[in-house]
Amino acid sequence: MAFARVKATITEFKTILRLSQRAKKQVTVLTQALEANQADLAELQRSAKRTQYENQVHLDRIKEVQEKMKATQSNDSKL
Protein backbone atom coordinates (compact mmCIF):
# COMPACT_ATOMS: atom_id res chain seq x y z
CA MET A 1 0.00 0.00 0.00
CA ALA A 2 2.82 2.40 0.81
CA PHE A 3 4.42 1.53 -2.50
CA ALA A 4 1.21 2.42 -4.33
CA ARG A 5 1.09 5.81 -2.59
CA VAL A 6 4.73 6.49 -3.47
CA LYS A 7 4.08 5.48 -7.07
CA ALA A 8 1.00 7.76 -7.22
CA THR A 9 2.99 10.62 -5.70
CA ILE A 10 5.76 10.17 -8.26
CA THR A 11 3.19 10.09 -11.06
CA GLU A 12 1.59 13.29 -9.74
CA PHE A 13 5.01 14.90 -9.43
CA LYS A 14 5.82 14.02 -13.05
CA THR A 15 2.45 15.42 -14.16
CA ILE A 16 3.05 18.63 -12.21
CA LEU A 17 6.55 18.93 -13.66
CA ARG A 18 5.25 18.40 -17.22
CA LEU A 19 2.49 20.98 -16.73
CA SER A 20 4.97 23.40 -15.22
CA GLN A 21 7.30 23.05 -18.20
CA ARG A 22 4.38 23.52 -20.61
CA ALA A 23 3.25 26.62 -18.70
CA LYS A 24 6.78 28.02 -18.79
CA LYS A 25 6.91 27.57 -22.58
CA GLN A 26 3.53 29.26 -22.94
CA VAL A 27 4.65 32.18 -20.77
CA THR A 28 7.74 32.56 -22.95
CA VAL A 29 5.67 32.55 -26.14
CA LEU A 30 3.14 35.01 -24.68
CA THR A 31 5.91 37.30 -23.46
CA GLN A 32 7.48 37.35 -26.92
CA ALA A 33 4.10 38.05 -28.51
CA LEU A 34 3.48 40.87 -26.04
CA GLU A 35 6.86 42.44 -26.83
CA ALA A 36 6.13 42.21 -30.56
CA ASN A 37 2.68 43.74 -30.06
CA GLN A 38 4.14 46.58 -27.99
CA ALA A 39 6.68 47.28 -30.74
CA ASP A 40 3.89 47.25 -33.35
CA LEU A 41 1.80 49.58 -31.20
CA ALA A 42 4.70 52.01 -30.82
CA GLU A 43 5.21 52.02 -34.60
CA LEU A 44 1.50 52.57 -35.21
CA GLN A 45 1.48 55.48 -32.75
CA ARG A 46 4.48 57.07 -34.51
CA SER A 47 2.79 56.56 -37.86
CA ALA A 48 -0.47 58.06 -36.58
CA LYS A 49 1.33 61.14 -35.27
CA ARG A 50 3.16 61.54 -38.58
CA THR A 51 -0.10 61.22 -40.52
CA GLN A 52 -1.84 63.66 -38.19
CA TYR A 53 0.96 66.19 -38.72
CA GLU A 54 0.84 65.73 -42.50
CA ASN A 55 -2.94 66.16 -42.49
CA GLN A 56 -2.63 69.36 -40.45
CA VAL A 57 -0.08 70.70 -42.94
CA HIS A 58 -2.47 69.97 -45.80
CA LEU A 59 -5.39 71.57 -43.95
CA ASP A 60 -3.31 74.68 -43.26
CA ARG A 61 -2.35 74.87 -46.93
CA ILE A 62 -5.99 74.50 -47.98
CA LYS A 63 -6.95 77.30 -45.60
CA GLU A 64 -4.24 79.55 -47.09
CA VAL A 65 -5.48 78.86 -50.63
CA GLN A 66 -9.09 79.55 -49.60
CA GLU A 67 -8.08 82.86 -48.04
CA LYS A 68 -6.16 83.83 -51.19
CA MET A 69 -9.17 82.90 -53.30
CA LYS A 70 -11.44 85.06 -51.12
CA ALA A 71 -9.00 87.95 -51.39
CA THR A 72 -8.79 87.52 -55.16
CA GLN A 73 -12.60 87.35 -55.47
CA SER A 74 -13.07 90.49 -53.38
CA ASN A 75 -10.43 92.30 -55.46
CA ASP A 76 -12.15 91.14 -58.67
CA SER A 77 -15.53 92.35 -57.42
CA LYS A 78 -14.07 95.81 -56.68
CA LEU A 79 -13.05 96.18 -60.32
C-alpha atoms as a PDB file:
ATOM      1  CA  MET A   1       0.000   0.000   0.000  1.00  0.00           C
ATOM      2  CA  ALA A   2       2.822   2.405   0.809  1.00  0.00           C
ATOM      3  CA  PHE A   3       4.422   1.531  -2.504  1.00  0.00           C
ATOM      4  CA  ALA A   4       1.213   2.421  -4.330  1.00  0.00           C
ATOM      5  CA  ARG A   5       1.087   5.815  -2.593  1.00  0.00           C
ATOM      6  CA  VAL A   6       4.731   6.495  -3.468  1.00  0.00           C
ATOM      7  CA  LYS A   7       4.079   5.483  -7.067  1.00  0.00           C
ATOM      8  CA  ALA A   8       1.000   7.759  -7.223  1.00  0.00           C
ATOM      9  CA  THR A   9       2.990  10.618  -5.696  1.00  0.00           C
ATOM     10  CA  ILE A  10       5.762  10.174  -8.263  1.00  0.00           C
ATOM     11  CA  THR A  11       3.185  10.095 -11.059  1.00  0.00           C
ATOM     12  CA  GLU A  12       1.588  13.288  -9.736  1.00  0.00           C
ATOM     13  CA  PHE A  13       5.009  14.904  -9.433  1.00  0.00           C
ATOM     14  CA  LYS A  14       5.818  14.017 -13.047  1.00  0.00           C
ATOM     15  CA  THR A  15       2.454  15.425 -14.161  1.00  0.00           C
ATOM     16  CA  ILE A  16       3.047  18.634 -12.210  1.00  0.00           C
ATOM     17  CA  LEU A  17       6.552  18.926 -13.658  1.00  0.00           C
ATOM     18  CA  ARG A  18       5.253  18.396 -17.217  1.00  0.00           C
ATOM     19  CA  LEU A  19       2.493  20.977 -16.729  1.00  0.00           C
ATOM     20  CA  SER A  20       4.974  23.400 -15.218  1.00  0.00           C
ATOM     21  CA  GLN A  21       7.296  23.053 -18.204  1.00  0.00           C
ATOM     22  CA  ARG A  22       4.382  23.525 -20.607  1.00  0.00           C
ATOM     23  CA  ALA A  23       3.253  26.622 -18.705  1.00  0.00           C
ATOM     24  CA  LYS A  24       6.784  28.018 -18.788  1.00  0.00           C
ATOM     25  CA  LYS A  25       6.914  27.569 -22.579  1.00  0.00           C
ATOM     26  CA  GLN A  26       3.532  29.258 -22.936  1.00  0.00           C
ATOM     27  CA  VAL A  27       4.647  32.180 -20.773  1.00  0.00           C
ATOM     28  CA  THR A  28       7.740  32.559 -22.946  1.00  0.00           C
ATOM     29  CA  VAL A  29       5.667  32.552 -26.137  1.00  0.00           C
ATOM     30  CA  LEU A  30       3.143  35.010 -24.684  1.00  0.00           C
ATOM     31  CA  THR A  31       5.915  37.301 -23.460  1.00  0.00           C
ATOM     32  CA  GLN A  32       7.481  37.351 -26.923  1.00  0.00           C
ATOM     33  CA  ALA A  33       4.096  38.049 -28.506  1.00  0.00           C
ATOM     34  CA  LEU A  34       3.483  40.868 -26.036  1.00  0.00           C
ATOM     35  CA  GLU A  35       6.855  42.436 -26.834  1.00  0.00           C
ATOM     36  CA  ALA A  36       6.132  42.210 -30.560  1.00  0.00           C
ATOM     37  CA  ASN A  37       2.678  43.737 -30.056  1.00  0.00           C
ATOM     38  CA  GLN A  38       4.140  46.577 -27.990  1.00  0.00           C
ATOM     39  CA  ALA A  39       6.679  47.283 -30.739  1.00  0.00           C
ATOM     40  CA  ASP A  40       3.891  47.254 -33.345  1.00  0.00           C
ATOM     41  CA  LEU A  41       1.803  49.582 -31.198  1.00  0.00           C
ATOM     42  CA  ALA A  42       4.696  52.010 -30.817  1.00  0.00           C
ATOM     43  CA  GLU A  43       5.214  52.021 -34.602  1.00  0.00           C
ATOM     44  CA  LEU A  44       1.495  52.572 -35.209  1.00  0.00           C
ATOM     45  CA  GLN A  45       1.482  55.480 -32.753  1.00  0.00           C
ATOM     46  CA  ARG A  46       4.479  57.074 -34.506  1.00  0.00           C
ATOM     47  CA  SER A  47       2.786  56.556 -37.857  1.00  0.00           C
ATOM     48  CA  ALA A  48      -0.472  58.064 -36.580  1.00  0.00           C
ATOM     49  CA  LYS A  49       1.333  61.136 -35.267  1.00  0.00           C
ATOM     50  CA  ARG A  50       3.163  61.538 -38.577  1.00  0.00           C
ATOM     51  CA  THR A  51      -0.098  61.215 -40.523  1.00  0.00           C
ATOM     52  CA  GLN A  52      -1.837  63.658 -38.191  1.00  0.00           C
ATOM     53  CA  TYR A  53       0.965  66.191 -38.718  1.00  0.00           C
ATOM     54  CA  GLU A  54       0.841  65.733 -42.504  1.00  0.00           C
ATOM     55  CA  ASN A  55      -2.937  66.159 -42.485  1.00  0.00           C
ATOM     56  CA  GLN A  56      -2.626  69.356 -40.455  1.00  0.00           C
ATOM     57  CA  VAL A  57      -0.075  70.701 -42.939  1.00  0.00           C
ATOM     58  CA  HIS A  58      -2.470  69.967 -45.803  1.00  0.00           C
ATOM     59  CA  LEU A  59      -5.390  71.575 -43.953  1.00  0.00           C
ATOM     60  CA  ASP A  60      -3.307  74.679 -43.260  1.00  0.00           C
ATOM     61  CA  ARG A  61      -2.346  74.868 -46.929  1.00  0.00           C
ATOM     62  CA  ILE A  62      -5.993  74.500 -47.984  1.00  0.00           C
ATOM     63  CA  LYS A  63      -6.946  77.302 -45.598  1.00  0.00           C
ATOM     64  CA  GLU A  64      -4.243  79.546 -47.093  1.00  0.00           C
ATOM     65  CA  VAL A  65      -5.475  78.863 -50.629  1.00  0.00           C
ATOM     66  CA  GLN A  66      -9.085  79.549 -49.596  1.00  0.00           C
ATOM     67  CA  GLU A  67      -8.082  82.864 -48.038  1.00  0.00           C
ATOM     68  CA  LYS A  68      -6.158  83.835 -51.186  1.00  0.00           C
ATOM     69  CA  MET A  69      -9.174  82.897 -53.304  1.00  0.00           C
ATOM     70  CA  LYS A  70     -11.437  85.064 -51.125  1.00  0.00           C
ATOM     71  CA  ALA A  71      -8.998  87.951 -51.389  1.00  0.00           C
ATOM     72  CA  THR A  72      -8.791  87.520 -55.160  1.00  0.00           C
ATOM     73  CA  GLN A  73     -12.599  87.346 -55.468  1.00  0.00           C
ATOM     74  CA  SER A  74     -13.071  90.487 -53.375  1.00  0.00           C
ATOM     75  CA  ASN A  75     -10.433  92.297 -55.456  1.00  0.00           C
ATOM     76  CA  ASP A  76     -12.148  91.143 -58.671  1.00  0.00           C
ATOM     77  CA  SER A  77     -15.527  92.355 -57.424  1.00  0.00           C
ATOM     78  CA  LYS A  78     -14.069  95.811 -56.685  1.00  0.00           C
ATOM     79  CA  LEU A  79     -13.048  96.176 -60.324  1.00  0.00           C
END
